[in-house]
Amino acid sequence: MSNYLRNESQGGNVMSYITFIVGAGLGALLTVSIKKNRAPGNKKLIQSPLPVHLGIKPDLGLEALEEKFQSAWNDEYAEEVKLRVLKEGNITLEDYPYYELEIKRFFILSSLMKNAGMYNDSVDEIWHEMMMFSRSYQTFCEKFMGSYLHHEPKSMLARDASRNSTEGKDRAWFDLIYSQLFELTPNTHRMYGPFFKHRLSQELLLEIEEKNTWEISSSYFNPRTSEGEEAVLRLVDQIKKEIAFIQSRKNEKPGIQLTKAKKSGDESFLAMLFSSYFGGDADNPFDHSQHHPGHSHHNSDSSGHSHHSCSSHSCSSHSCGSSCGSSCGSS
């Protein structure tokens, strides 16, 4: 009897051990599956309503362009792309609509700009999968933009921007145009990282100030549709007005402190412009105690009038050094 009980006890221990191993294995598989559904670096997104009309801001005349986009967008094709992307496991089903919104916005940007940067790997993945359906992708591009948009992934720029001054200026240009065209959503910063962190180049600021609207449009934009041509001119006019506003505030004390805790989207945008133009702390650009002469765009004489540190005729990397910087918008 004792041998029987001892064998039963040993058998029970073996079964418990097997149960533990199987349970641990299933737990590990479940953990791997959960982790696979979120790509490294992808922050959990906020489940909020998607903006109507892609969140395009009014008063730019982009309604016709958005209508043309929606007409070209094929829901059946988009669903096939979605299934392929979800199968890879880098985007969850609940997060997918927000990434799809951003690829749509990317196509709007690409229809207006010469070079629209790609700053999110998951959005780039959707773009890549769209191209796997070569005929459908070509049909979409030609119906919307009149020409094929080649895939030139640049999502790594987002990681390198803080270490590379040229890429940082490209990211500043992206932030400027994106924020002028679209409403920022609760997930914008989660997908692209902080906006308005980098300064625009001094050369670009000088061009915006001194050149006319058509010249700036020709230099930095390439509207692929007739619907986008007028919108680009309105956009450039709007940017020029923002720059003029920042110039007018050079000697004014701000009514609010633009700190990380208090910045709204519009205030952060104006802070970035001010910091780009006059230097100063990125979190409080109106405080010139941390002003860096190398980033100065103007010099002031005793009368308080400001002058350019270099003219449009003499501005070059040889004559002006780092004070002019390199042109934004190209990559």
Protein backbone atom coordinates (compact mmCIF):
# COMPACT_ATOMS: atom_id res chain seq x y z
CA MET A 1 0.00 0.00 0.00
CA SER A 2 2.81 2.42 0.89
CA ASN A 3 4.52 1.74 -2.44
CA TYR A 4 1.26 2.41 -4.22
CA LEU A 5 0.80 5.74 -2.40
CA ARG A 6 4.41 6.67 -3.06
CA ASN A 7 3.98 5.95 -6.79
CA GLU A 8 0.74 7.95 -6.85
CA SER A 9 2.51 10.85 -5.18
CA GLN A 10 5.35 10.73 -7.68
CA GLY A 11 2.87 10.51 -10.53
CA GLY A 12 1.07 13.57 -9.22
CA ASN A 13 4.33 15.48 -9.03
CA VAL A 14 5.14 14.55 -12.62
CA MET A 15 1.72 15.69 -13.82
CA SER A 16 2.07 18.96 -11.90
CA TYR A 17 5.48 19.50 -13.48
CA ILE A 18 4.11 18.78 -16.96
CA THR A 19 1.18 21.11 -16.33
CA PHE A 20 3.59 23.84 -15.22
CA ILE A 21 5.77 23.44 -18.33
CA VAL A 22 2.79 23.48 -20.70
CA GLY A 23 1.31 26.52 -18.93
CA ALA A 24 4.61 28.39 -19.08
CA GLY A 25 4.96 27.57 -22.77
CA LEU A 26 1.49 28.84 -23.57
CA GLY A 27 2.17 31.96 -21.54
CA ALA A 28 5.38 32.58 -23.48
CA LEU A 29 3.59 32.11 -26.79
CA LEU A 30 0.86 34.52 -25.69
CA THR A 31 3.47 37.08 -24.64
CA VAL A 32 5.26 36.80 -27.98
CA SER A 33 1.96 37.16 -29.84
CA ILE A 34 1.04 40.27 -27.88
CA LYS A 35 4.45 41.82 -28.38
CA LYS A 36 4.39 41.02 -32.08
CA ASN A 37 1.23 43.09 -32.49
CA ARG A 38 3.09 46.28 -31.58
CA ALA A 39 6.23 47.21 -33.43
CA PRO A 40 9.24 48.42 -31.43
CA GLY A 41 8.93 52.15 -30.86
CA ASN A 42 5.19 52.27 -31.64
CA LYS A 43 3.46 53.94 -28.72
CA LYS A 44 -0.03 52.85 -27.76
CA LEU A 45 -2.45 55.11 -29.58
CA ILE A 46 -5.42 56.94 -28.10
CA GLN A 47 -8.74 55.60 -29.36
CA SER A 48 -10.41 58.85 -30.42
CA PRO A 49 -12.78 59.76 -33.29
CA LEU A 50 -11.07 60.25 -36.64
CA PRO A 51 -11.25 63.81 -38.00
CA VAL A 52 -13.63 64.47 -40.87
CA HIS A 53 -12.18 65.37 -44.27
CA LEU A 54 -8.78 64.00 -43.11
CA GLY A 55 -8.57 66.88 -40.64
CA ILE A 56 -7.65 69.32 -43.43
CA LYS A 57 -7.83 72.89 -42.16
CA PRO A 58 -10.37 75.21 -43.81
CA ASP A 59 -9.60 78.41 -45.72
CA LEU A 60 -6.82 76.84 -47.84
CA GLY A 61 -9.11 75.83 -50.68
CA LEU A 62 -8.24 72.14 -50.37
CA GLU A 63 -11.82 70.88 -50.46
CA ALA A 64 -11.63 69.99 -54.15
CA LEU A 65 -8.29 68.22 -53.66
CA GLU A 66 -9.71 66.17 -50.79
CA GLU A 67 -12.72 65.23 -52.89
CA LYS A 68 -10.42 64.13 -55.70
CA PHE A 69 -8.42 62.01 -53.26
CA GLN A 70 -11.54 60.32 -51.88
CA SER A 71 -12.69 59.59 -55.43
CA ALA A 72 -9.35 57.93 -56.25
CA TRP A 73 -9.18 55.96 -53.00
CA ASN A 74 -10.44 52.41 -53.59
CA ASP A 75 -11.94 50.89 -50.42
CA GLU A 76 -11.64 47.32 -51.69
CA TYR A 77 -7.98 47.85 -52.53
CA ALA A 78 -7.41 49.53 -49.16
CA GLU A 79 -8.98 46.55 -47.37
CA GLU A 80 -6.61 44.13 -49.11
CA VAL A 81 -3.67 46.28 -48.04
CA LYS A 82 -5.00 46.37 -44.49
CA LEU A 83 -5.20 42.56 -44.30
CA ARG A 84 -1.59 42.21 -45.47
CA VAL A 85 -0.34 44.78 -42.96
CA LEU A 86 -2.27 43.26 -40.05
CA LYS A 87 -0.89 39.84 -40.94
CA GLU A 88 2.64 41.17 -40.37
CA GLY A 89 1.61 41.96 -36.79
CA ASN A 90 3.29 45.35 -36.45
CA ILE A 91 0.01 47.29 -36.23
CA THR A 92 -3.02 46.26 -34.20
CA LEU A 93 -6.53 46.18 -35.61
CA GLU A 94 -7.66 48.94 -33.25
CA ASP A 95 -4.74 51.21 -34.20
CA TYR A 96 -4.88 50.66 -37.95
CA PRO A 97 -7.41 53.44 -38.80
CA TYR A 98 -5.07 56.06 -37.32
CA TYR A 99 -2.11 54.88 -39.38
CA GLU A 100 -4.31 54.73 -42.46
CA LEU A 101 -5.30 58.36 -41.80
CA GLU A 102 -1.61 59.30 -41.84
CA ILE A 103 -0.87 57.55 -45.14
CA LYS A 104 -3.80 59.46 -46.63
CA ARG A 105 -2.36 62.71 -45.29
CA PHE A 106 1.03 61.73 -46.69
CA PHE A 107 -0.48 61.43 -50.17
CA ILE A 108 -2.06 64.88 -49.78
CA LEU A 109 1.36 66.29 -48.79
CA SER A 110 3.04 64.48 -51.69
CA SER A 111 0.56 66.00 -54.13
CA LEU A 112 1.67 69.48 -53.04
CA MET A 113 5.32 69.31 -51.98
CA LYS A 114 8.49 68.54 -53.87
CA ASN A 115 9.65 66.24 -51.11
CA ALA A 116 7.29 65.02 -48.39
CA GLY A 117 9.28 63.24 -45.71
CA MET A 118 8.13 59.94 -44.22
CA TYR A 119 8.57 60.01 -40.44
CA ASN A 120 6.81 56.88 -39.22
CA ASP A 121 7.83 53.29 -39.94
CA SER A 122 4.32 51.87 -39.65
CA VAL A 123 2.86 54.43 -42.07
CA ASP A 124 5.76 53.61 -44.39
CA GLU A 125 4.85 49.92 -44.11
CA ILE A 126 1.33 50.67 -45.35
CA TRP A 127 2.80 52.61 -48.27
CA HIS A 128 5.08 49.68 -49.11
CA GLU A 129 2.21 47.18 -48.99
CA MET A 130 0.13 49.42 -51.25
CA MET A 131 2.84 49.13 -53.87
CA MET A 132 2.67 45.33 -53.72
CA PHE A 133 -0.63 45.67 -55.59
CA SER A 134 1.17 47.35 -58.46
CA ARG A 135 -1.77 47.91 -60.81
CA SER A 136 -4.11 49.19 -58.10
CA TYR A 137 -1.41 51.49 -56.76
CA GLN A 138 -0.64 52.88 -60.20
CA THR A 139 -4.34 53.44 -60.88
CA PHE A 140 -4.72 55.29 -57.57
CA CYS A 141 -1.68 57.52 -58.17
CA GLU A 142 -2.69 58.43 -61.71
CA LYS A 143 -6.30 59.07 -60.79
CA PHE A 144 -5.35 61.29 -57.85
CA MET A 145 -2.08 62.95 -58.83
CA GLY A 146 -1.81 62.26 -62.54
CA SER A 147 1.52 60.45 -62.13
CA TYR A 148 3.16 57.58 -60.27
CA LEU A 149 4.53 58.32 -56.78
CA HIS A 150 7.68 56.28 -56.25
CA HIS A 151 8.42 54.75 -52.88
CA GLU A 152 11.43 56.44 -51.34
CA PRO A 153 11.28 55.56 -47.64
CA LYS A 154 12.70 58.20 -45.33
CA SER A 155 11.29 57.17 -41.97
CA MET A 156 14.80 56.82 -40.53
CA LEU A 157 15.11 60.61 -40.76
CA ALA A 158 12.92 60.86 -37.70
CA ARG A 159 15.54 59.05 -35.64
CA ASP A 160 18.49 60.86 -37.15
CA ALA A 161 17.03 64.37 -37.22
CA SER A 162 18.28 65.34 -33.77
CA ARG A 163 21.83 64.25 -34.69
CA ASN A 164 21.96 65.74 -38.18
CA SER A 165 21.40 69.46 -38.75
CA THR A 166 20.30 69.03 -42.37
CA GLU A 167 17.73 66.38 -41.52
CA GLY A 168 16.62 68.47 -38.55
CA LYS A 169 15.82 71.34 -40.91
CA ASP A 170 13.95 68.94 -43.18
CA ARG A 171 11.91 67.81 -40.19
CA ALA A 172 11.25 71.45 -39.23
CA TRP A 173 9.93 72.07 -42.77
CA PHE A 174 7.73 68.96 -42.50
CA ASP A 175 6.35 70.14 -39.15
CA LEU A 176 5.61 73.58 -40.59
CA ILE A 177 3.70 72.37 -43.65
CA TYR A 178 1.93 69.50 -41.89
CA SER A 179 0.67 71.76 -39.10
CA GLN A 180 -0.53 74.37 -41.59
CA LEU A 181 -2.51 71.80 -43.59
CA PHE A 182 -3.88 69.45 -40.92
CA GLU A 183 -5.37 69.58 -37.47
CA LEU A 184 -3.07 67.81 -35.01
CA THR A 185 -4.80 64.81 -33.43
CA PRO A 186 -4.23 63.21 -30.00
CA ASN A 187 -2.01 60.67 -31.78
CA THR A 188 0.09 63.01 -33.93
CA HIS A 189 2.95 63.28 -31.43
CA ARG A 190 2.72 59.58 -30.59
CA MET A 191 3.32 58.69 -34.23
CA TYR A 192 5.83 61.32 -35.29
CA GLY A 193 7.49 62.35 -32.04
CA PRO A 194 7.57 65.97 -30.81
CA PHE A 195 6.61 68.65 -33.33
CA PHE A 196 8.35 72.03 -33.61
CA LYS A 197 11.51 70.73 -31.97
CA HIS A 198 13.86 71.78 -34.79
CA ARG A 199 14.60 75.19 -36.28
CA LEU A 200 14.03 76.21 -39.86
CA SER A 201 17.15 77.17 -41.77
CA GLN A 202 18.14 80.83 -41.89
CA GLU A 203 18.34 80.65 -45.68
CA LEU A 204 14.74 79.44 -45.92
CA LEU A 205 13.51 82.20 -43.61
CA LEU A 206 15.33 84.77 -45.71
CA GLU A 207 13.73 83.42 -48.88
CA ILE A 208 10.25 83.46 -47.38
CA GLU A 209 10.73 87.04 -46.28
CA GLU A 210 12.24 88.45 -49.46
CA LYS A 211 10.81 86.39 -52.32
CA ASN A 212 7.28 86.67 -53.60
CA THR A 213 4.66 83.98 -53.19
CA TRP A 214 5.09 82.51 -56.66
CA GLU A 215 8.89 82.22 -56.30
CA ILE A 216 8.62 80.39 -52.99
CA SER A 217 5.94 78.11 -54.38
CA SER A 218 8.17 77.21 -57.33
CA SER A 219 11.17 76.53 -55.09
CA TYR A 220 9.58 74.31 -52.45
CA PHE A 221 6.32 72.99 -53.87
CA ASN A 222 5.27 70.98 -56.87
CA PRO A 223 1.47 70.75 -56.98
CA ARG A 224 0.62 67.72 -59.10
CA THR A 225 -3.01 68.73 -59.56
CA SER A 226 -4.82 71.85 -60.66
CA GLU A 227 -6.79 71.64 -57.40
CA GLY A 228 -3.56 72.01 -55.44
CA GLU A 229 -2.04 74.96 -57.30
CA GLU A 230 -4.21 77.66 -55.73
CA ALA A 231 -3.97 75.97 -52.34
CA VAL A 232 -0.17 76.16 -52.42
CA LEU A 233 -0.26 79.89 -53.11
CA ARG A 234 -2.65 80.40 -50.19
CA LEU A 235 -0.42 78.26 -47.98
CA VAL A 236 2.68 80.29 -48.84
CA ASP A 237 0.81 83.55 -48.20
CA GLN A 238 -0.21 82.19 -44.82
CA ILE A 239 3.37 81.25 -43.92
CA LYS A 240 4.62 84.69 -44.95
CA LYS A 241 2.02 86.27 -42.64
CA GLU A 242 3.18 84.05 -39.76
CA ILE A 243 6.78 85.13 -40.35
CA ALA A 244 5.72 88.80 -40.43
CA PHE A 245 3.87 88.30 -37.16
CA ILE A 246 6.95 86.80 -35.52
CA GLN A 247 9.07 89.72 -36.74
CA SER A 248 6.60 92.16 -35.19
CA ARG A 249 6.97 90.45 -31.82
CA LYS A 250 10.74 90.64 -31.63
CA ASN A 251 10.78 93.37 -28.98
CA GLU A 252 7.51 92.45 -27.28
CA LYS A 253 7.16 90.59 -24.02
CA PRO A 254 4.96 87.53 -24.45
CA GLY A 255 1.68 87.44 -22.62
CA ILE A 256 2.24 83.76 -21.77
CA GLN A 257 5.22 81.60 -21.06
CA LEU A 258 5.61 79.01 -23.81
CA THR A 259 6.81 76.11 -21.67
CA LYS A 260 6.40 72.40 -22.28
CA ALA A 261 3.57 72.26 -19.75
CA LYS A 262 1.56 75.07 -21.33
CA LYS A 263 2.19 74.87 -25.05
CA SER A 264 -0.77 74.37 -27.31
CA GLY A 265 -0.21 73.33 -30.92
CA ASP A 266 -0.43 76.87 -32.31
CA GLU A 267 1.75 78.31 -29.54
CA SER A 268 4.40 75.63 -30.11
CA PHE A 269 4.38 76.44 -33.82
CA LEU A 270 4.88 80.16 -33.18
CA ALA A 271 7.58 79.36 -30.64
CA MET A 272 9.44 77.29 -33.22
CA LEU A 273 9.22 80.12 -35.76
CA PHE A 274 10.47 82.66 -33.25
CA SER A 275 13.33 80.41 -32.17
CA SER A 276 14.26 79.78 -35.82
CA TYR A 277 14.23 83.47 -36.60
CA PHE A 278 15.92 84.99 -33.57
CA GLY A 279 17.41 82.10 -31.60
CA GLY A 280 16.75 81.58 -27.90
CA ASP A 281 15.61 78.68 -25.77
CA ALA A 282 13.34 76.26 -27.64
CA ASP A 283 11.01 76.02 -24.63
CA ASN A 284 10.90 79.79 -24.11
CA PRO A 285 12.28 81.41 -27.27
CA PHE A 286 11.42 84.90 -26.08
CA ASP A 287 14.14 84.56 -23.42
CA HIS A 288 17.35 85.65 -25.16
CA SER A 289 19.60 84.85 -22.22
CA GLN A 290 20.49 81.62 -24.06
CA HIS A 291 20.69 83.22 -27.49
CA HIS A 292 23.30 81.76 -29.83
CA PRO A 293 24.83 84.27 -32.27
CA GLY A 294 25.49 81.52 -34.79
CA HIS A 295 21.74 81.18 -35.33
CA SER A 296 20.97 84.89 -35.52
CA HIS A 297 19.10 86.10 -38.56
CA HIS A 298 19.13 89.82 -37.78
CA ASN A 299 21.45 92.39 -36.24
CA SER A 300 20.04 95.47 -34.57
CA ASP A 301 21.58 98.93 -34.71
CA SER A 302 21.29 101.56 -32.01
CA SER A 303 18.04 102.85 -33.45
CA GLY A 304 16.39 99.48 -32.87
CA HIS A 305 16.00 98.67 -36.58
CA SER A 306 16.97 95.18 -37.63
CA HIS A 307 19.17 94.24 -40.55
CA HIS A 308 19.94 90.92 -42.20
CA SER A 309 23.25 89.38 -41.26
CA CYS A 310 23.67 88.48 -44.92
CA SER A 311 21.88 89.55 -48.06
CA SER A 312 20.23 87.37 -50.66
CA HIS A 313 23.03 88.21 -53.07
CA SER A 314 25.91 87.31 -50.79
CA CYS A 315 24.36 84.46 -48.81
CA SER A 316 26.40 81.30 -49.28
CA SER A 317 28.11 78.72 -47.17
CA HIS A 318 31.41 80.48 -47.83
CA SER A 319 30.43 84.07 -47.10
CA CYS A 320 27.98 83.56 -44.26
CA GLY A 321 29.08 80.39 -42.56
CA SER A 322 26.50 78.64 -40.40
CA SER A 323 24.30 81.71 -40.00
CA CYS A 324 22.51 80.99 -43.27
CA GLY A 325 22.27 77.24 -42.99
CA SER A 326 21.13 74.95 -45.78
CA SER A 327 17.88 75.02 -47.68
CA CYS A 328 14.93 73.10 -46.26
CA GLY A 329 12.44 71.01 -48.07
CA SER A 330 14.77 68.82 -50.06
CA SER A 331 16.22 65.56 -49.03
